[in-house]
All heavy atoms as atom14 arrays in JSON, in Angstrom:
{
  "sequence": "RHAAAGTDADVEVVVDDDGGFAVEVRDRTAPELPDDDEGMALALV",
  "atom14_mask": [
    [1, 1, 1, 1, 1, 1, 1, 1, 1, 1, 1, 0, 0, 0],
    [1, 1, 1, 1, 1, 1, 1, 1, 1, 1, 0, 0, 0, 0],
    [1, 1, 1, 1, 1, 0, 0, 0, 0, 0, 0, 0, 0, 0],
    [1, 1, 1, 1, 1, 0, 0, 0, 0, 0, 0, 0, 0, 0],
    [1, 1, 1, 1, 1, 0, 0, 0, 0, 0, 0, 0, 0, 0],
    [1, 1, 1, 1, 0, 0, 0, 0, 0, 0, 0, 0, 0, 0],
    [1, 1, 1, 1, 1, 1, 1, 0, 0, 0, 0, 0, 0, 0],
    [1, 1, 1, 1, 1, 1, 1, 1, 0, 0, 0, 0, 0, 0],
    [1, 1, 1, 1, 1, 0, 0, 0, 0, 0, 0, 0, 0, 0],
    [1, 1, 1, 1, 1, 1, 1, 1, 0, 0, 0, 0, 0, 0],
    [1, 1, 1, 1, 1, 1, 1, 0, 0, 0, 0, 0, 0, 0],
    [1, 1, 1, 1, 1, 1, 1, 1, 1, 0, 0, 0, 0, 0],
    [1, 1, 1, 1, 1, 1, 1, 0, 0, 0, 0, 0, 0, 0],
    [1, 1, 1, 1, 1, 1, 1, 0, 0, 0, 0, 0, 0, 0],
    [1, 1, 1, 1, 1, 1, 1, 0, 0, 0, 0, 0, 0, 0],
    [1, 1, 1, 1, 1, 1, 1, 1, 0, 0, 0, 0, 0, 0],
    [1, 1, 1, 1, 1, 1, 1, 1, 0, 0, 0, 0, 0, 0],
    [1, 1, 1, 1, 1, 1, 1, 1, 0, 0, 0, 0, 0, 0],
    [1, 1, 1, 1, 0, 0, 0, 0, 0, 0, 0, 0, 0, 0],
    [1, 1, 1, 1, 0, 0, 0, 0, 0, 0, 0, 0, 0, 0],
    [1, 1, 1, 1, 1, 1, 1, 1, 1, 1, 1, 0, 0, 0],
    [1, 1, 1, 1, 1, 0, 0, 0, 0, 0, 0, 0, 0, 0],
    [1, 1, 1, 1, 1, 1, 1, 0, 0, 0, 0, 0, 0, 0],
    [1, 1, 1, 1, 1, 1, 1, 1, 1, 0, 0, 0, 0, 0],
    [1, 1, 1, 1, 1, 1, 1, 0, 0, 0, 0, 0, 0, 0],
    [1, 1, 1, 1, 1, 1, 1, 1, 1, 1, 1, 0, 0, 0],
    [1, 1, 1, 1, 1, 1, 1, 1, 0, 0, 0, 0, 0, 0],
    [1, 1, 1, 1, 1, 1, 1, 1, 1, 1, 1, 0, 0, 0],
    [1, 1, 1, 1, 1, 1, 1, 0, 0, 0, 0, 0, 0, 0],
    [1, 1, 1, 1, 1, 0, 0, 0, 0, 0, 0, 0, 0, 0],
    [1, 1, 1, 1, 1, 1, 1, 0, 0, 0, 0, 0, 0, 0],
    [1, 1, 1, 1, 1, 1, 1, 1, 1, 0, 0, 0, 0, 0],
    [1, 1, 1, 1, 1, 1, 1, 1, 0, 0, 0, 0, 0, 0],
    [1, 1, 1, 1, 1, 1, 1, 0, 0, 0, 0, 0, 0, 0],
    [1, 1, 1, 1, 1, 1, 1, 1, 0, 0, 0, 0, 0, 0],
    [1, 1, 1, 1, 1, 1, 1, 1, 0, 0, 0, 0, 0, 0],
    [1, 1, 1, 1, 1, 1, 1, 1, 0, 0, 0, 0, 0, 0],
    [1, 1, 1, 1, 1, 1, 1, 1, 1, 0, 0, 0, 0, 0],
    [1, 1, 1, 1, 0, 0, 0, 0, 0, 0, 0, 0, 0, 0],
    [1, 1, 1, 1, 1, 1, 1, 1, 0, 0, 0, 0, 0, 0],
    [1, 1, 1, 1, 1, 0, 0, 0, 0, 0, 0, 0, 0, 0],
    [1, 1, 1, 1, 1, 1, 1, 1, 0, 0, 0, 0, 0, 0],
    [1, 1, 1, 1, 1, 0, 0, 0, 0, 0, 0, 0, 0, 0],
    [1, 1, 1, 1, 1, 1, 1, 1, 0, 0, 0, 0, 0, 0],
    [1, 1, 1, 1, 1, 1, 1, 0, 0, 0, 0, 0, 0, 0]
  ],
  "atom14_positions": [
    [[23.86, -35.7, -28.08], [23.15, -34.7, -28.85], [24.02, -33.43, -29.06], [24.03, -32.83, -30.13], [21.85, -34.34, -28.11], [20.86, -35.46, -28.11], [19.59, -35.17, -27.27], [18.91, -33.94, -27.75], [18.03, -33.92, -28.7], [17.75, -35.0, -29.43], [17.47, -32.79, -29.07], [0.0, 0.0, 0.0], [0.0, 0.0, 0.0], [0.0, 0.0, 0.0]],
    [[24.83, -33.04, -28.05], [25.77, -31.9, -28.2], [26.75, -32.21, -29.3], [27.05, -31.34, -30.06], [26.36, -31.6, -26.86], [25.51, -30.76, -25.97], [26.05, -29.6, -25.38], [24.3, -30.89, -25.54], [25.12, -29.08, -24.55], [24.04, -29.82, -24.7], [0.0, 0.0, 0.0], [0.0, 0.0, 0.0], [0.0, 0.0, 0.0], [0.0, 0.0, 0.0]],
    [[27.25, -33.44, -29.35], [28.25, -33.79, -30.35], [27.58, -33.73, -31.71], [28.2, -33.16, -32.65], [28.83, -35.17, -30.06], [0.0, 0.0, 0.0], [0.0, 0.0, 0.0], [0.0, 0.0, 0.0], [0.0, 0.0, 0.0], [0.0, 0.0, 0.0], [0.0, 0.0, 0.0], [0.0, 0.0, 0.0], [0.0, 0.0, 0.0], [0.0, 0.0, 0.0]],
    [[26.41, -34.25, -31.89], [25.77, -34.19, -33.12], [25.41, -32.75, -33.62], [25.47, -32.44, -34.85], [24.44, -35.03, -33.1], [0.0, 0.0, 0.0], [0.0, 0.0, 0.0], [0.0, 0.0, 0.0], [0.0, 0.0, 0.0], [0.0, 0.0, 0.0], [0.0, 0.0, 0.0], [0.0, 0.0, 0.0], [0.0, 0.0, 0.0], [0.0, 0.0, 0.0]],
    [[25.15, -31.94, -32.66], [24.84, -30.5, -32.95], [26.11, -29.71, -33.15], [26.04, -28.53, -33.57], [23.95, -29.92, -31.91], [0.0, 0.0, 0.0], [0.0, 0.0, 0.0], [0.0, 0.0, 0.0], [0.0, 0.0, 0.0], [0.0, 0.0, 0.0], [0.0, 0.0, 0.0], [0.0, 0.0, 0.0], [0.0, 0.0, 0.0], [0.0, 0.0, 0.0]],
    [[27.23, -30.22, -32.76], [28.48, -29.43, -32.82], [28.56, -28.33, -31.8], [29.27, -27.29, -32.02], [0.0, 0.0, 0.0], [0.0, 0.0, 0.0], [0.0, 0.0, 0.0], [0.0, 0.0, 0.0], [0.0, 0.0, 0.0], [0.0, 0.0, 0.0], [0.0, 0.0, 0.0], [0.0, 0.0, 0.0], [0.0, 0.0, 0.0], [0.0, 0.0, 0.0]],
    [[27.97, -28.48, -30.66], [28.0, -27.46, -29.6], [28.89, -27.98, -28.43], [28.82, -29.15, -28.04], [26.66, -27.0, -29.18], [26.85, -25.99, -28.18], [25.88, -28.13, -28.52], [0.0, 0.0, 0.0], [0.0, 0.0, 0.0], [0.0, 0.0, 0.0], [0.0, 0.0, 0.0], [0.0, 0.0, 0.0], [0.0, 0.0, 0.0], [0.0, 0.0, 0.0]],
    [[29.65, -27.04, -27.86], [30.41, -27.31, -26.61], [29.8, -26.69, -25.46], [30.38, -26.61, -24.35], [31.81, -27.05, -26.8], [32.09, -25.51, -27.0], [31.15, -24.78, -27.13], [33.3, -25.17, -27.08], [0.0, 0.0, 0.0], [0.0, 0.0, 0.0], [0.0, 0.0, 0.0], [0.0, 0.0, 0.0], [0.0, 0.0, 0.0], [0.0, 0.0, 0.0]],
    [[28.56, -26.26, -25.49], [27.86, -25.61, -24.41], [27.73, -26.74, -23.27], [27.63, -27.91, -23.57], [26.51, -25.16, -24.79], [0.0, 0.0, 0.0], [0.0, 0.0, 0.0], [0.0, 0.0, 0.0], [0.0, 0.0, 0.0], [0.0, 0.0, 0.0], [0.0, 0.0, 0.0], [0.0, 0.0, 0.0], [0.0, 0.0, 0.0], [0.0, 0.0, 0.0]],
    [[27.72, -26.3, -22.0], [27.58, -27.18, -20.99], [26.21, -27.87, -20.92], [25.22, -27.31, -21.32], [27.73, -26.42, -19.55], [29.19, -26.15, -19.27], [30.1, -26.61, -20.03], [29.41, -25.46, -18.29], [0.0, 0.0, 0.0], [0.0, 0.0, 0.0], [0.0, 0.0, 0.0], [0.0, 0.0, 0.0], [0.0, 0.0, 0.0], [0.0, 0.0, 0.0]],
    [[26.18, -29.15, -20.43], [25.07, -29.88, -20.08], [24.74, -29.55, -18.65], [25.61, -29.54, -17.79], [25.17, -31.39, -20.27], [24.02, -32.12, -19.73], [25.49, -31.71, -21.73], [0.0, 0.0, 0.0], [0.0, 0.0, 0.0], [0.0, 0.0, 0.0], [0.0, 0.0, 0.0], [0.0, 0.0, 0.0], [0.0, 0.0, 0.0], [0.0, 0.0, 0.0]],
    [[23.5, -29.2, -18.34], [23.09, -28.87, -16.96], [22.26, -30.04, -16.4], [21.45, -30.62, -17.0], [22.21, -27.61, -16.86], [23.0, -26.37, -17.22], [22.04, -25.12, -17.11], [20.84, -25.24, -17.12], [22.63, -24.08, -16.97], [0.0, 0.0, 0.0], [0.0, 0.0, 0.0], [0.0, 0.0, 0.0], [0.0, 0.0, 0.0], [0.0, 0.0, 0.0]],
    [[22.63, -30.4, -15.12], [21.94, -31.28, -14.35], [21.37, -30.65, -13.14], [22.24, -30.03, -12.32], [22.86, -32.53, -13.91], [22.04, -33.54, -13.1], [23.43, -33.22, -15.16], [0.0, 0.0, 0.0], [0.0, 0.0, 0.0], [0.0, 0.0, 0.0], [0.0, 0.0, 0.0], [0.0, 0.0, 0.0], [0.0, 0.0, 0.0], [0.0, 0.0, 0.0]],
    [[20.08, -30.56, -12.93], [19.42, -29.83, -11.84], [18.71, -30.88, -10.93], [17.95, -31.66, -11.39], [18.49, -28.8, -12.36], [17.77, -28.12, -11.24], [19.05, -27.85, -13.35], [0.0, 0.0, 0.0], [0.0, 0.0, 0.0], [0.0, 0.0, 0.0], [0.0, 0.0, 0.0], [0.0, 0.0, 0.0], [0.0, 0.0, 0.0], [0.0, 0.0, 0.0]],
    [[19.12, -30.83, -9.72], [18.58, -31.75, -8.75], [17.69, -30.99, -7.77], [18.15, -29.96, -7.24], [19.75, -32.49, -8.0], [19.16, -33.44, -6.93], [20.64, -33.25, -8.9], [0.0, 0.0, 0.0], [0.0, 0.0, 0.0], [0.0, 0.0, 0.0], [0.0, 0.0, 0.0], [0.0, 0.0, 0.0], [0.0, 0.0, 0.0], [0.0, 0.0, 0.0]],
    [[16.48, -31.48, -7.44], [15.55, -30.83, -6.64], [14.92, -31.84, -5.73], [14.37, -32.84, -6.21], [14.52, -30.09, -7.44], [13.61, -29.25, -6.61], [13.54, -29.35, -5.34], [12.88, -28.43, -7.19], [0.0, 0.0, 0.0], [0.0, 0.0, 0.0], [0.0, 0.0, 0.0], [0.0, 0.0, 0.0], [0.0, 0.0, 0.0], [0.0, 0.0, 0.0]],
    [[15.04, -31.74, -4.42], [14.45, -32.7, -3.51], [13.35, -31.97, -2.67], [13.01, -32.47, -1.56], [15.47, -33.36, -2.6], [16.12, -32.46, -1.59], [15.82, -31.28, -1.61], [16.9, -32.98, -0.78], [0.0, 0.0, 0.0], [0.0, 0.0, 0.0], [0.0, 0.0, 0.0], [0.0, 0.0, 0.0], [0.0, 0.0, 0.0], [0.0, 0.0, 0.0]],
    [[12.79, -30.94, -3.13], [11.72, -30.24, -2.47], [10.37, -30.8, -2.93], [9.86, -30.51, -3.96], [11.76, -28.73, -2.72], [10.86, -27.95, -1.84], [10.47, -28.38, -0.81], [10.49, -26.86, -2.26], [0.0, 0.0, 0.0], [0.0, 0.0, 0.0], [0.0, 0.0, 0.0], [0.0, 0.0, 0.0], [0.0, 0.0, 0.0], [0.0, 0.0, 0.0]],
    [[9.8, -31.75, -2.13], [8.61, -32.39, -2.6], [8.85, -33.6, -3.52], [8.33, -33.59, -4.63], [0.0, 0.0, 0.0], [0.0, 0.0, 0.0], [0.0, 0.0, 0.0], [0.0, 0.0, 0.0], [0.0, 0.0, 0.0], [0.0, 0.0, 0.0], [0.0, 0.0, 0.0], [0.0, 0.0, 0.0], [0.0, 0.0, 0.0], [0.0, 0.0, 0.0]],
    [[9.62, -34.5, -3.15], [9.98, -35.64, -4.0], [11.43, -35.43, -4.46], [12.14, -34.58, -3.89], [0.0, 0.0, 0.0], [0.0, 0.0, 0.0], [0.0, 0.0, 0.0], [0.0, 0.0, 0.0], [0.0, 0.0, 0.0], [0.0, 0.0, 0.0], [0.0, 0.0, 0.0], [0.0, 0.0, 0.0], [0.0, 0.0, 0.0], [0.0, 0.0, 0.0]],
    [[11.85, -36.29, -5.37], [13.19, -36.14, -5.9], [13.15, -36.03, -7.38], [12.65, -36.94, -8.07], [14.05, -37.41, -5.45], [15.49, -37.27, -5.89], [16.35, -36.39, -5.22], [15.97, -38.05, -6.92], [17.69, -36.35, -5.61], [17.34, -37.97, -7.31], [18.13, -37.1, -6.65], [0.0, 0.0, 0.0], [0.0, 0.0, 0.0], [0.0, 0.0, 0.0]],
    [[13.61, -34.91, -7.89], [13.51, -34.71, -9.36], [14.9, -34.33, -9.85], [15.68, -33.67, -9.18], [12.56, -33.57, -9.64], [0.0, 0.0, 0.0], [0.0, 0.0, 0.0], [0.0, 0.0, 0.0], [0.0, 0.0, 0.0], [0.0, 0.0, 0.0], [0.0, 0.0, 0.0], [0.0, 0.0, 0.0], [0.0, 0.0, 0.0], [0.0, 0.0, 0.0]],
    [[15.18, -34.82, -11.09], [16.43, -34.49, -11.76], [16.08, -33.97, -13.15], [15.24, -34.63, -13.89], [17.31, -35.72, -11.86], [18.66, -35.41, -12.71], [17.67, -36.26, -10.5], [0.0, 0.0, 0.0], [0.0, 0.0, 0.0], [0.0, 0.0, 0.0], [0.0, 0.0, 0.0], [0.0, 0.0, 0.0], [0.0, 0.0, 0.0], [0.0, 0.0, 0.0]],
    [[16.58, -32.9, -13.56], [16.44, -32.34, -14.9], [17.76, -32.41, -15.58], [18.77, -31.95, -14.99], [15.94, -30.93, -14.87], [14.52, -30.71, -14.48], [13.99, -29.29, -14.59], [14.79, -28.37, -14.96], [12.9, -29.07, -14.2], [0.0, 0.0, 0.0], [0.0, 0.0, 0.0], [0.0, 0.0, 0.0], [0.0, 0.0, 0.0], [0.0, 0.0, 0.0]],
    [[17.81, -32.96, -16.83], [19.0, -32.85, -17.65], [18.69, -31.98, -18.79], [17.77, -32.23, -19.57], [19.42, -34.32, -18.09], [20.65, -34.22, -19.04], [19.67, -35.21, -16.92], [0.0, 0.0, 0.0], [0.0, 0.0, 0.0], [0.0, 0.0, 0.0], [0.0, 0.0, 0.0], [0.0, 0.0, 0.0], [0.0, 0.0, 0.0], [0.0, 0.0, 0.0]],
    [[19.43, -30.92, -18.89], [19.13, -29.87, -19.99], [20.29, -29.82, -21.0], [21.44, -29.62, -20.58], [19.09, -28.5, -19.25], [17.91, -28.45, -18.13], [18.09, -27.13, -17.47], [16.96, -27.05, -16.42], [16.9, -26.09, -15.57], [17.85, -25.17, -15.49], [15.95, -26.09, -14.66], [0.0, 0.0, 0.0], [0.0, 0.0, 0.0], [0.0, 0.0, 0.0]],
    [[19.93, -30.01, -22.16], [20.87, -29.87, -23.24], [20.6, -28.58, -24.02], [19.68, -27.87, -23.74], [20.87, -31.07, -24.19], [19.66, -31.24, -25.01], [19.13, -30.27, -25.55], [19.13, -32.41, -25.17], [0.0, 0.0, 0.0], [0.0, 0.0, 0.0], [0.0, 0.0, 0.0], [0.0, 0.0, 0.0], [0.0, 0.0, 0.0], [0.0, 0.0, 0.0]],
    [[21.52, -28.23, -24.97], [21.41, -27.01, -25.72], [21.41, -27.35, -27.21], [22.22, -26.92, -27.95], [22.47, -26.04, -25.41], [22.54, -25.62, -23.96], [22.89, -24.13, -23.83], [22.91, -23.78, -22.48], [21.99, -23.06, -21.93], [20.97, -22.57, -22.57], [22.11, -22.67, -20.61], [0.0, 0.0, 0.0], [0.0, 0.0, 0.0], [0.0, 0.0, 0.0]],
    [[20.46, -28.29, -27.6], [20.33, -28.71, -28.92], [18.95, -28.52, -29.44], [18.02, -28.32, -28.65], [20.68, -30.22, -29.1], [19.68, -31.0, -28.36], [22.08, -30.5, -28.51], [0.0, 0.0, 0.0], [0.0, 0.0, 0.0], [0.0, 0.0, 0.0], [0.0, 0.0, 0.0], [0.0, 0.0, 0.0], [0.0, 0.0, 0.0], [0.0, 0.0, 0.0]],
    [[18.68, -28.52, -30.68], [17.38, -28.34, -31.26], [16.56, -29.51, -30.9], [16.91, -30.72, -30.97], [17.46, -28.29, -32.79], [0.0, 0.0, 0.0], [0.0, 0.0, 0.0], [0.0, 0.0, 0.0], [0.0, 0.0, 0.0], [0.0, 0.0, 0.0], [0.0, 0.0, 0.0], [0.0, 0.0, 0.0], [0.0, 0.0, 0.0], [0.0, 0.0, 0.0]],
    [[15.32, -29.2, -30.39], [14.37, -30.32, -29.89], [14.15, -31.3, -30.94], [13.9, -32.51, -30.68], [13.13, -29.51, -29.51], [13.63, -28.22, -29.13], [14.73, -27.87, -30.1], [0.0, 0.0, 0.0], [0.0, 0.0, 0.0], [0.0, 0.0, 0.0], [0.0, 0.0, 0.0], [0.0, 0.0, 0.0], [0.0, 0.0, 0.0], [0.0, 0.0, 0.0]],
    [[14.16, -30.89, -32.26], [13.85, -31.87, -33.35], [15.04, -32.78, -33.71], [14.85, -33.66, -34.53], [13.27, -31.18, -34.55], [14.22, -30.17, -35.18], [14.27, -28.74, -34.59], [13.61, -28.57, -33.58], [15.04, -28.02, -35.08], [0.0, 0.0, 0.0], [0.0, 0.0, 0.0], [0.0, 0.0, 0.0], [0.0, 0.0, 0.0], [0.0, 0.0, 0.0]],
    [[16.21, -32.52, -33.1], [17.46, -33.36, -33.44], [17.16, -34.78, -33.07], [16.84, -35.09, -31.95], [18.58, -32.77, -32.61], [19.95, -33.44, -32.85], [20.46, -33.21, -34.26], [20.94, -33.05, -31.87], [0.0, 0.0, 0.0], [0.0, 0.0, 0.0], [0.0, 0.0, 0.0], [0.0, 0.0, 0.0], [0.0, 0.0, 0.0], [0.0, 0.0, 0.0]],
    [[17.3, -35.69, -33.95], [17.03, -37.11, -33.63], [18.18, -37.76, -32.73], [19.4, -37.18, -32.87], [17.04, -37.84, -34.97], [17.8, -36.96, -35.9], [17.62, -35.52, -35.43], [0.0, 0.0, 0.0], [0.0, 0.0, 0.0], [0.0, 0.0, 0.0], [0.0, 0.0, 0.0], [0.0, 0.0, 0.0], [0.0, 0.0, 0.0], [0.0, 0.0, 0.0]],
    [[17.91, -38.65, -31.95], [18.94, -39.28, -31.12], [19.59, -40.31, -31.97], [19.06, -41.02, -32.8], [18.25, -40.08, -29.9], [17.66, -39.07, -28.93], [18.03, -37.93, -28.97], [16.9, -39.54, -28.15], [0.0, 0.0, 0.0], [0.0, 0.0, 0.0], [0.0, 0.0, 0.0], [0.0, 0.0, 0.0], [0.0, 0.0, 0.0], [0.0, 0.0, 0.0]],
    [[20.99, -40.32, -31.82], [21.85, -41.26, -32.6], [21.67, -42.73, -32.17], [22.14, -43.59, -32.94], [23.33, -40.89, -32.43], [23.59, -39.63, -33.18], [22.89, -39.2, -34.08], [24.73, -38.99, -32.96], [0.0, 0.0, 0.0], [0.0, 0.0, 0.0], [0.0, 0.0, 0.0], [0.0, 0.0, 0.0], [0.0, 0.0, 0.0], [0.0, 0.0, 0.0]],
    [[21.02, -42.91, -31.03], [20.9, -44.36, -30.52], [19.56, -44.98, -30.77], [19.26, -45.93, -30.17], [21.28, -44.32, -29.04], [20.24, -43.66, -28.22], [19.39, -42.98, -28.73], [20.28, -43.78, -26.96], [0.0, 0.0, 0.0], [0.0, 0.0, 0.0], [0.0, 0.0, 0.0], [0.0, 0.0, 0.0], [0.0, 0.0, 0.0], [0.0, 0.0, 0.0]],
    [[18.82, -44.39, -31.7], [17.49, -44.91, -32.07], [16.51, -44.96, -30.91], [15.7, -45.84, -30.79], [17.61, -46.26, -32.73], [18.4, -46.27, -33.98], [18.58, -47.55, -34.62], [18.1, -48.61, -34.12], [19.32, -47.68, -35.71], [0.0, 0.0, 0.0], [0.0, 0.0, 0.0], [0.0, 0.0, 0.0], [0.0, 0.0, 0.0], [0.0, 0.0, 0.0]],
    [[16.69, -44.02, -29.92], [15.79, -44.0, -28.79], [16.1, -44.91, -27.63], [15.33, -44.93, -26.67], [0.0, 0.0, 0.0], [0.0, 0.0, 0.0], [0.0, 0.0, 0.0], [0.0, 0.0, 0.0], [0.0, 0.0, 0.0], [0.0, 0.0, 0.0], [0.0, 0.0, 0.0], [0.0, 0.0, 0.0], [0.0, 0.0, 0.0], [0.0, 0.0, 0.0]],
    [[17.24, -45.55, -27.68], [17.56, -46.54, -26.63], [17.76, -45.87, -25.26], [17.21, -46.34, -24.28], [18.83, -47.32, -26.96], [19.13, -48.41, -25.97], [17.9, -49.71, -25.81], [18.05, -50.5, -27.4], [0.0, 0.0, 0.0], [0.0, 0.0, 0.0], [0.0, 0.0, 0.0], [0.0, 0.0, 0.0], [0.0, 0.0, 0.0], [0.0, 0.0, 0.0]],
    [[18.41, -44.74, -25.2], [18.6, -44.08, -23.9], [17.27, -43.63, -23.26], [17.03, -43.87, -22.11], [19.57, -42.78, -24.05], [0.0, 0.0, 0.0], [0.0, 0.0, 0.0], [0.0, 0.0, 0.0], [0.0, 0.0, 0.0], [0.0, 0.0, 0.0], [0.0, 0.0, 0.0], [0.0, 0.0, 0.0], [0.0, 0.0, 0.0], [0.0, 0.0, 0.0]],
    [[16.4, -43.09, -24.13], [15.09, -42.72, -23.62], [14.24, -43.86, -23.19], [13.57, -43.78, -22.13], [14.27, -41.86, -24.59], [14.7, -40.42, -24.77], [13.92, -39.78, -25.91], [14.56, -39.66, -23.49], [0.0, 0.0, 0.0], [0.0, 0.0, 0.0], [0.0, 0.0, 0.0], [0.0, 0.0, 0.0], [0.0, 0.0, 0.0], [0.0, 0.0, 0.0]],
    [[14.34, -45.03, -23.84], [13.64, -46.19, -23.5], [14.14, -46.67, -22.16], [13.31, -47.07, -21.23], [13.87, -47.26, -24.54], [0.0, 0.0, 0.0], [0.0, 0.0, 0.0], [0.0, 0.0, 0.0], [0.0, 0.0, 0.0], [0.0, 0.0, 0.0], [0.0, 0.0, 0.0], [0.0, 0.0, 0.0], [0.0, 0.0, 0.0], [0.0, 0.0, 0.0]],
    [[15.45, -46.67, -21.95], [15.94, -47.07, -20.61], [15.51, -46.18, -19.47], [15.13, -46.57, -18.43], [17.53, -47.19, -20.66], [18.06, -48.39, -21.35], [19.56, -48.18, -21.57], [17.84, -49.67, -20.57], [0.0, 0.0, 0.0], [0.0, 0.0, 0.0], [0.0, 0.0, 0.0], [0.0, 0.0, 0.0], [0.0, 0.0, 0.0], [0.0, 0.0, 0.0]],
    [[15.56, -44.81, -19.73], [15.2, -43.85, -18.72], [13.73, -44.1, -18.39], [13.38, -44.15, -17.24], [15.36, -42.44, -19.28], [14.72, -41.39, -18.32], [16.87, -42.13, -19.4], [0.0, 0.0, 0.0], [0.0, 0.0, 0.0], [0.0, 0.0, 0.0], [0.0, 0.0, 0.0], [0.0, 0.0, 0.0], [0.0, 0.0, 0.0], [0.0, 0.0, 0.0]]
  ]
}
């Protein structure tokens, strides 16, 4: 998504194990930007 948007801003990965185990992956792209993989990554996730 960063490559498609042309941004070199960092991707953030936030890990939290306070009350379960949670991972957030934060990008800096427009939410409406379509995925180049036709949604395959989200389907796997």
